[in-house]
Amino acid sequence: AVRVKYRLSALKYDRCYSKLIRPRMSDFLNDERKRQLQTMKHQLAQAAAARVNERNENEHY
């Protein structure tokens, strides 16, 4: 689909893939993994903070 969309010849597609598409795809997937990990860490931190706040509120009453 990429070859047809950008009108690359079959001979030049391999070069285009190895030089342009593959590195960008790898970077994108790596960045997505990092974003997911950061989101999970943030959610865990929020949940932990909520538990601490709940305990503190329960101790005051």
N, C-alpha and C. Protein backbone atom coordinates (compact mmCIF):
# COMPACT_ATOMS: atom_id res chain seq x y z
N ALA A 1 0.82 -1.18 0.00
CA ALA A 1 0.00 0.00 0.00
C ALA A 1 0.88 1.26 0.00
N VAL A 2 1.95 1.24 0.77
CA VAL A 2 2.84 2.42 0.83
C VAL A 2 3.50 2.63 -0.52
N ARG A 3 3.93 1.54 -1.13
CA ARG A 3 4.61 1.64 -2.42
C ARG A 3 3.69 2.26 -3.47
N VAL A 4 2.43 1.84 -3.48
CA VAL A 4 1.47 2.37 -4.45
C VAL A 4 1.12 3.82 -4.12
N LYS A 5 0.89 4.11 -2.84
CA LYS A 5 0.49 5.46 -2.45
C LYS A 5 1.55 6.49 -2.83
N TYR A 6 2.80 6.18 -2.60
CA TYR A 6 3.88 7.13 -2.88
C TYR A 6 4.56 6.88 -4.22
N ARG A 7 3.98 5.98 -5.00
CA ARG A 7 4.46 5.68 -6.36
C ARG A 7 5.94 5.33 -6.39
N LEU A 8 6.32 4.42 -5.53
CA LEU A 8 7.71 3.96 -5.50
C LEU A 8 7.84 2.74 -6.41
N SER A 9 8.92 2.67 -7.13
CA SER A 9 9.13 1.49 -7.97
C SER A 9 9.46 0.31 -7.06
N ALA A 10 9.19 -0.86 -7.56
CA ALA A 10 9.45 -2.07 -6.78
C ALA A 10 10.94 -2.17 -6.43
N LEU A 11 11.79 -1.69 -7.31
CA LEU A 11 13.22 -1.76 -7.07
C LEU A 11 13.66 -0.80 -5.96
N LYS A 12 13.01 0.33 -5.86
CA LYS A 12 13.43 1.32 -4.87
C LYS A 12 12.68 1.19 -3.54
N TYR A 13 11.66 0.36 -3.50
CA TYR A 13 10.89 0.22 -2.27
C TYR A 13 11.75 -0.32 -1.13
N ASP A 14 12.57 -1.32 -1.40
CA ASP A 14 13.42 -1.90 -0.35
C ASP A 14 14.33 -0.84 0.26
N ARG A 15 14.89 -0.01 -0.58
CA ARG A 15 15.77 1.06 -0.09
C ARG A 15 14.97 2.06 0.74
N CYS A 16 13.82 2.44 0.25
CA CYS A 16 12.96 3.38 0.97
C CYS A 16 12.55 2.79 2.32
N TYR A 17 12.18 1.52 2.31
CA TYR A 17 11.75 0.88 3.55
C TYR A 17 12.88 0.86 4.57
N SER A 18 14.06 0.43 4.14
CA SER A 18 15.17 0.28 5.09
C SER A 18 15.71 1.63 5.57
N LYS A 19 15.65 2.65 4.73
CA LYS A 19 16.21 3.96 5.11
C LYS A 19 15.20 4.88 5.78
N LEU A 20 13.93 4.81 5.40
CA LEU A 20 12.94 5.77 5.89
C LEU A 20 11.86 5.15 6.76
N ILE A 21 11.18 4.17 6.21
CA ILE A 21 9.98 3.65 6.88
C ILE A 21 10.32 2.85 8.13
N ARG A 22 11.24 1.94 8.02
CA ARG A 22 11.57 1.07 9.16
C ARG A 22 12.05 1.85 10.38
N PRO A 23 13.01 2.78 10.23
CA PRO A 23 13.44 3.54 11.42
C PRO A 23 12.32 4.36 12.04
N ARG A 24 11.47 4.95 11.21
CA ARG A 24 10.37 5.75 11.75
C ARG A 24 9.35 4.88 12.47
N MET A 25 9.08 3.70 11.91
CA MET A 25 8.16 2.79 12.58
C MET A 25 8.73 2.34 13.92
N SER A 26 10.00 2.04 13.94
CA SER A 26 10.65 1.62 15.18
C SER A 26 10.59 2.72 16.23
N ASP A 27 10.89 3.94 15.82
CA ASP A 27 10.83 5.08 16.74
C ASP A 27 9.41 5.28 17.26
N PHE A 28 8.44 5.18 16.37
CA PHE A 28 7.05 5.37 16.77
C PHE A 28 6.64 4.31 17.80
N LEU A 29 6.95 3.05 17.53
CA LEU A 29 6.57 1.98 18.46
C LEU A 29 7.28 2.15 19.80
N ASN A 30 8.53 2.55 19.77
CA ASN A 30 9.29 2.79 21.00
C ASN A 30 8.66 3.92 21.80
N ASP A 31 8.30 5.01 21.13
CA ASP A 31 7.66 6.14 21.81
C ASP A 31 6.31 5.74 22.39
N GLU A 32 5.54 4.94 21.65
CA GLU A 32 4.24 4.48 22.16
C GLU A 32 4.41 3.64 23.42
N ARG A 33 5.41 2.78 23.42
CA ARG A 33 5.68 1.96 24.61
C ARG A 33 6.02 2.84 25.81
N LYS A 34 6.84 3.86 25.57
CA LYS A 34 7.21 4.78 26.65
C LYS A 34 5.99 5.51 27.17
N ARG A 35 5.11 5.96 26.26
CA ARG A 35 3.90 6.67 26.68
C ARG A 35 3.00 5.76 27.51
N GLN A 36 2.88 4.51 27.10
CA GLN A 36 2.05 3.57 27.86
C GLN A 36 2.61 3.35 29.25
N LEU A 37 3.92 3.19 29.36
CA LEU A 37 4.55 3.00 30.66
C LEU A 37 4.35 4.22 31.55
N GLN A 38 4.51 5.40 30.98
CA GLN A 38 4.32 6.63 31.76
C GLN A 38 2.87 6.75 32.23
N THR A 39 1.93 6.39 31.37
CA THR A 39 0.52 6.44 31.75
C THR A 39 0.24 5.47 32.88
N MET A 40 0.78 4.26 32.77
CA MET A 40 0.57 3.27 33.82
C MET A 40 1.18 3.73 35.14
N LYS A 41 2.39 4.30 35.09
CA LYS A 41 3.04 4.80 36.30
C LYS A 41 2.21 5.92 36.93
N HIS A 42 1.70 6.80 36.09
CA HIS A 42 0.89 7.92 36.57
C HIS A 42 -0.39 7.41 37.24
N GLN A 43 -1.03 6.43 36.62
CA GLN A 43 -2.26 5.87 37.18
C GLN A 43 -1.98 5.17 38.51
N LEU A 44 -0.87 4.45 38.59
CA LEU A 44 -0.52 3.78 39.84
C LEU A 44 -0.23 4.79 40.94
N ALA A 45 0.46 5.87 40.59
CA ALA A 45 0.76 6.90 41.57
C ALA A 45 -0.52 7.58 42.06
N GLN A 46 -1.45 7.83 41.15
CA GLN A 46 -2.72 8.43 41.54
C GLN A 46 -3.50 7.50 42.46
N ALA A 47 -3.52 6.21 42.14
CA ALA A 47 -4.24 5.25 42.96
C ALA A 47 -3.62 5.16 44.35
N ALA A 48 -2.29 5.17 44.41
CA ALA A 48 -1.60 5.12 45.71
C ALA A 48 -1.91 6.37 46.52
N ALA A 49 -1.90 7.53 45.88
CA ALA A 49 -2.20 8.78 46.58
C ALA A 49 -3.64 8.78 47.08
N ALA A 50 -4.55 8.24 46.30
CA ALA A 50 -5.95 8.18 46.72
C ALA A 50 -6.10 7.28 47.93
N ARG A 51 -5.38 6.16 47.95
CA ARG A 51 -5.44 5.25 49.11
C ARG A 51 -4.90 5.93 50.35
N VAL A 52 -3.80 6.67 50.21
CA VAL A 52 -3.21 7.38 51.35
C VAL A 52 -4.19 8.43 51.86
N ASN A 53 -4.78 9.18 50.96
CA ASN A 53 -5.76 10.20 51.37
C ASN A 53 -6.95 9.57 52.07
N GLU A 54 -7.40 8.44 51.56
CA GLU A 54 -8.54 7.75 52.17
C GLU A 54 -8.19 7.28 53.58
N ARG A 55 -6.99 6.74 53.75
CA ARG A 55 -6.56 6.30 55.09
C ARG A 55 -6.49 7.48 56.05
N ASN A 56 -5.92 8.58 55.57
CA ASN A 56 -5.80 9.77 56.42
C ASN A 56 -7.17 10.30 56.82
N GLU A 57 -8.11 10.30 55.91
CA GLU A 57 -9.46 10.75 56.23
C GLU A 57 -10.13 9.82 57.23
N ASN A 58 -9.91 8.53 57.09
CA ASN A 58 -10.51 7.55 58.00
C ASN A 58 -9.92 7.66 59.40
N GLU A 59 -8.66 8.03 59.50
CA GLU A 59 -8.01 8.16 60.81
C GLU A 59 -8.52 9.38 61.57
N HIS A 60 -8.92 10.40 60.85
CA HIS A 60 -9.40 11.62 61.50
C HIS A 60 -10.80 11.45 62.08
N TYR A 61 -11.56 10.49 61.62
CA TYR A 61 -12.94 10.32 62.09
C TYR A 61 -13.06 9.23 63.07
